[in-house]
Amino acid sequence: MSDKTKKWPDNVPGKYYVDDQCIDCDACRTEAPKNFTRNDAHGFSYVHKQPTTPEEETASKAAMEACPVEAIGQDGE
């Protein structure tokens, strides 16, 4: 389960975030490429844009469900 106290500082502020459990599997970037991106230097994903449309919200929820290690949360600030 994701932990907002362990989220990457790269995440933009808002509801969705990726924490330090990310294994860089690419699932979130595949499901929601407009909202998730990769930190190439350190090998993890993070939220670079919070969803602003119903389509992005649906894609971000799909990304959260697809995450094999539950590193994506939706209770951020």
N, C-alpha and C. Protein backbone atom coordinates (compact mmCIF):
# COMPACT_ATOMS: atom_id res chain seq x y z
N MET A 1 0.84 -1.19 0.00
CA MET A 1 0.00 0.00 0.00
C MET A 1 0.89 1.25 0.00
N SER A 2 0.51 2.23 -0.79
CA SER A 2 1.30 3.45 -0.90
C SER A 2 1.28 4.24 0.41
N ASP A 3 2.32 5.04 0.58
CA ASP A 3 2.49 5.81 1.81
C ASP A 3 2.88 7.23 1.43
N LYS A 4 1.97 8.19 1.67
CA LYS A 4 2.26 9.56 1.25
C LYS A 4 3.43 10.18 2.00
N THR A 5 3.82 9.61 3.12
CA THR A 5 5.00 10.13 3.83
C THR A 5 6.30 9.68 3.16
N LYS A 6 6.19 8.74 2.19
CA LYS A 6 7.36 8.24 1.49
C LYS A 6 7.31 8.54 -0.01
N LYS A 7 6.47 9.52 -0.38
CA LYS A 7 6.36 9.84 -1.81
C LYS A 7 7.61 10.56 -2.29
N TRP A 8 7.90 10.34 -3.57
CA TRP A 8 9.06 11.00 -4.18
C TRP A 8 8.84 12.51 -4.20
N PRO A 9 9.88 13.29 -3.93
CA PRO A 9 9.74 14.75 -4.00
C PRO A 9 9.49 15.25 -5.42
N ASP A 10 9.74 14.42 -6.42
CA ASP A 10 9.51 14.79 -7.82
C ASP A 10 8.01 14.96 -8.14
N ASN A 11 7.13 14.29 -7.38
CA ASN A 11 5.70 14.37 -7.63
C ASN A 11 5.22 15.82 -7.53
N VAL A 12 4.38 16.23 -8.48
CA VAL A 12 3.75 17.55 -8.36
C VAL A 12 2.69 17.47 -7.26
N PRO A 13 2.43 18.57 -6.58
CA PRO A 13 1.41 18.55 -5.52
C PRO A 13 0.04 18.16 -6.07
N GLY A 14 -0.71 17.44 -5.27
CA GLY A 14 -2.05 17.04 -5.66
C GLY A 14 -2.42 15.68 -5.12
N LYS A 15 -3.52 15.18 -5.60
CA LYS A 15 -4.11 13.95 -5.08
C LYS A 15 -3.26 12.71 -5.35
N TYR A 16 -2.73 12.56 -6.55
CA TYR A 16 -1.97 11.36 -6.91
C TYR A 16 -0.48 11.54 -6.63
N TYR A 17 0.18 10.45 -6.28
CA TYR A 17 1.63 10.46 -6.04
C TYR A 17 2.17 9.05 -6.21
N VAL A 18 3.49 8.95 -6.36
CA VAL A 18 4.20 7.67 -6.39
C VAL A 18 5.17 7.69 -5.22
N ASP A 19 5.22 6.59 -4.47
CA ASP A 19 6.13 6.54 -3.32
C ASP A 19 7.38 5.73 -3.64
N ASP A 20 8.23 5.56 -2.64
CA ASP A 20 9.54 4.93 -2.85
C ASP A 20 9.49 3.41 -3.05
N GLN A 21 8.31 2.84 -3.15
CA GLN A 21 8.18 1.40 -3.45
C GLN A 21 8.22 1.14 -4.96
N CYS A 22 8.22 2.19 -5.77
CA CYS A 22 8.20 2.06 -7.23
C CYS A 22 9.38 1.21 -7.71
N ILE A 23 9.08 0.25 -8.59
CA ILE A 23 10.12 -0.61 -9.16
C ILE A 23 10.40 -0.28 -10.63
N ASP A 24 9.89 0.85 -11.09
CA ASP A 24 10.15 1.32 -12.46
C ASP A 24 9.69 0.32 -13.52
N CYS A 25 8.49 -0.22 -13.33
CA CYS A 25 7.99 -1.26 -14.24
C CYS A 25 7.36 -0.69 -15.51
N ASP A 26 7.04 0.59 -15.54
CA ASP A 26 6.46 1.26 -16.70
C ASP A 26 4.94 1.15 -16.78
N ALA A 27 4.28 0.46 -15.85
CA ALA A 27 2.82 0.28 -15.92
C ALA A 27 2.09 1.62 -15.88
N CYS A 28 2.45 2.49 -14.96
CA CYS A 28 1.75 3.77 -14.85
C CYS A 28 1.99 4.66 -16.06
N ARG A 29 3.20 4.63 -16.58
CA ARG A 29 3.51 5.45 -17.75
C ARG A 29 2.78 4.94 -18.98
N THR A 30 2.50 3.65 -19.01
CA THR A 30 1.74 3.08 -20.12
C THR A 30 0.26 3.44 -19.99
N GLU A 31 -0.28 3.33 -18.79
CA GLU A 31 -1.71 3.60 -18.55
C GLU A 31 -2.05 5.08 -18.63
N ALA A 32 -1.18 5.92 -18.10
CA ALA A 32 -1.47 7.36 -18.02
C ALA A 32 -0.23 8.19 -18.39
N PRO A 33 0.18 8.14 -19.65
CA PRO A 33 1.41 8.83 -20.05
C PRO A 33 1.35 10.34 -19.92
N LYS A 34 0.15 10.92 -19.88
CA LYS A 34 0.04 12.37 -19.71
C LYS A 34 0.29 12.79 -18.27
N ASN A 35 0.22 11.84 -17.34
CA ASN A 35 0.30 12.17 -15.93
C ASN A 35 1.53 11.62 -15.21
N PHE A 36 2.07 10.52 -15.70
CA PHE A 36 3.22 9.89 -15.07
C PHE A 36 4.42 9.94 -16.00
N THR A 37 5.59 10.12 -15.44
CA THR A 37 6.82 10.11 -16.21
C THR A 37 7.90 9.43 -15.38
N ARG A 38 9.09 9.33 -15.96
CA ARG A 38 10.19 8.60 -15.32
C ARG A 38 11.31 9.54 -14.93
N ASN A 39 11.87 9.30 -13.76
CA ASN A 39 13.11 9.95 -13.37
C ASN A 39 14.21 9.04 -13.91
N ASP A 40 14.79 9.43 -15.03
CA ASP A 40 15.78 8.59 -15.70
C ASP A 40 17.05 8.38 -14.87
N ALA A 41 17.44 9.38 -14.12
CA ALA A 41 18.68 9.29 -13.35
C ALA A 41 18.59 8.27 -12.22
N HIS A 42 17.39 8.14 -11.64
CA HIS A 42 17.26 7.27 -10.47
C HIS A 42 16.33 6.08 -10.68
N GLY A 43 15.68 5.99 -11.83
CA GLY A 43 14.89 4.82 -12.18
C GLY A 43 13.61 4.62 -11.39
N PHE A 44 12.75 5.63 -11.39
CA PHE A 44 11.43 5.49 -10.79
C PHE A 44 10.46 6.41 -11.51
N SER A 45 9.19 6.12 -11.34
CA SER A 45 8.14 6.95 -11.93
C SER A 45 7.62 7.93 -10.89
N TYR A 46 7.00 9.00 -11.38
CA TYR A 46 6.38 9.97 -10.50
C TYR A 46 5.29 10.71 -11.27
N VAL A 47 4.45 11.42 -10.55
CA VAL A 47 3.37 12.19 -11.16
C VAL A 47 3.94 13.55 -11.57
N HIS A 48 3.92 13.81 -12.87
CA HIS A 48 4.43 15.09 -13.34
C HIS A 48 3.30 16.04 -13.69
N LYS A 49 2.06 15.51 -13.75
CA LYS A 49 0.88 16.34 -14.01
C LYS A 49 -0.32 15.66 -13.36
N GLN A 50 -0.99 16.38 -12.48
CA GLN A 50 -2.20 15.84 -11.88
C GLN A 50 -3.31 15.81 -12.94
N PRO A 51 -4.22 14.83 -12.85
CA PRO A 51 -5.30 14.77 -13.84
C PRO A 51 -6.20 16.00 -13.78
N THR A 52 -6.54 16.50 -14.96
CA THR A 52 -7.41 17.69 -15.05
C THR A 52 -8.65 17.44 -15.88
N THR A 53 -8.75 16.26 -16.48
CA THR A 53 -9.92 15.91 -17.28
C THR A 53 -10.45 14.57 -16.80
N PRO A 54 -11.70 14.26 -17.11
CA PRO A 54 -12.23 12.95 -16.74
C PRO A 54 -11.40 11.80 -17.33
N GLU A 55 -10.89 11.98 -18.54
CA GLU A 55 -10.09 10.95 -19.18
C GLU A 55 -8.77 10.73 -18.43
N GLU A 56 -8.14 11.81 -18.02
CA GLU A 56 -6.90 11.69 -17.25
C GLU A 56 -7.15 11.08 -15.88
N GLU A 57 -8.28 11.41 -15.27
CA GLU A 57 -8.63 10.81 -13.98
C GLU A 57 -8.82 9.30 -14.14
N THR A 58 -9.53 8.89 -15.18
CA THR A 58 -9.73 7.47 -15.44
C THR A 58 -8.39 6.77 -15.70
N ALA A 59 -7.53 7.40 -16.48
CA ALA A 59 -6.22 6.82 -16.79
C ALA A 59 -5.36 6.73 -15.53
N SER A 60 -5.41 7.73 -14.67
CA SER A 60 -4.61 7.71 -13.44
C SER A 60 -5.10 6.63 -12.49
N LYS A 61 -6.41 6.43 -12.42
CA LYS A 61 -6.95 5.34 -11.60
C LYS A 61 -6.52 3.99 -12.16
N ALA A 62 -6.51 3.86 -13.49
CA ALA A 62 -6.05 2.62 -14.13
C ALA A 62 -4.58 2.38 -13.84
N ALA A 63 -3.79 3.45 -13.84
CA ALA A 63 -2.36 3.33 -13.51
C ALA A 63 -2.19 2.84 -12.08
N MET A 64 -2.98 3.38 -11.17
CA MET A 64 -2.90 2.97 -9.77
C MET A 64 -3.24 1.49 -9.62
N GLU A 65 -4.27 1.05 -10.32
CA GLU A 65 -4.69 -0.35 -10.26
C GLU A 65 -3.68 -1.28 -10.93
N ALA A 66 -2.96 -0.78 -11.93
CA ALA A 66 -1.99 -1.61 -12.65
C ALA A 66 -0.66 -1.74 -11.92
N CYS A 67 -0.41 -0.89 -10.96
CA CYS A 67 0.88 -0.91 -10.26
C CYS A 67 1.04 -2.21 -9.46
N PRO A 68 2.06 -3.01 -9.80
CA PRO A 68 2.21 -4.31 -9.15
C PRO A 68 2.67 -4.24 -7.69
N VAL A 69 3.19 -3.09 -7.27
CA VAL A 69 3.68 -2.98 -5.89
C VAL A 69 2.89 -1.94 -5.08
N GLU A 70 1.79 -1.45 -5.64
CA GLU A 70 0.91 -0.48 -4.97
C GLU A 70 1.67 0.77 -4.53
N ALA A 71 2.53 1.27 -5.41
CA ALA A 71 3.33 2.45 -5.10
C ALA A 71 2.61 3.76 -5.43
N ILE A 72 1.44 3.68 -6.04
CA ILE A 72 0.69 4.87 -6.40
C ILE A 72 -0.44 5.08 -5.41
N GLY A 73 -0.52 6.30 -4.90
CA GLY A 73 -1.59 6.65 -3.98
C GLY A 73 -2.43 7.78 -4.54
N GLN A 74 -3.61 7.95 -3.98
CA GLN A 74 -4.47 9.04 -4.42
C GLN A 74 -4.98 9.84 -3.23
N ASP A 75 -4.19 9.91 -2.20
CA ASP A 75 -4.57 10.69 -1.02
C ASP A 75 -3.51 11.73 -0.68
N GLY A 76 -2.81 12.16 -1.71
CA GLY A 76 -1.78 13.17 -1.51
C GLY A 76 -2.37 14.55 -1.29
N GLU A 77 -1.49 15.52 -1.20
CA GLU A 77 -1.95 16.89 -0.98
C GLU A 77 -1.28 17.82 -1.95
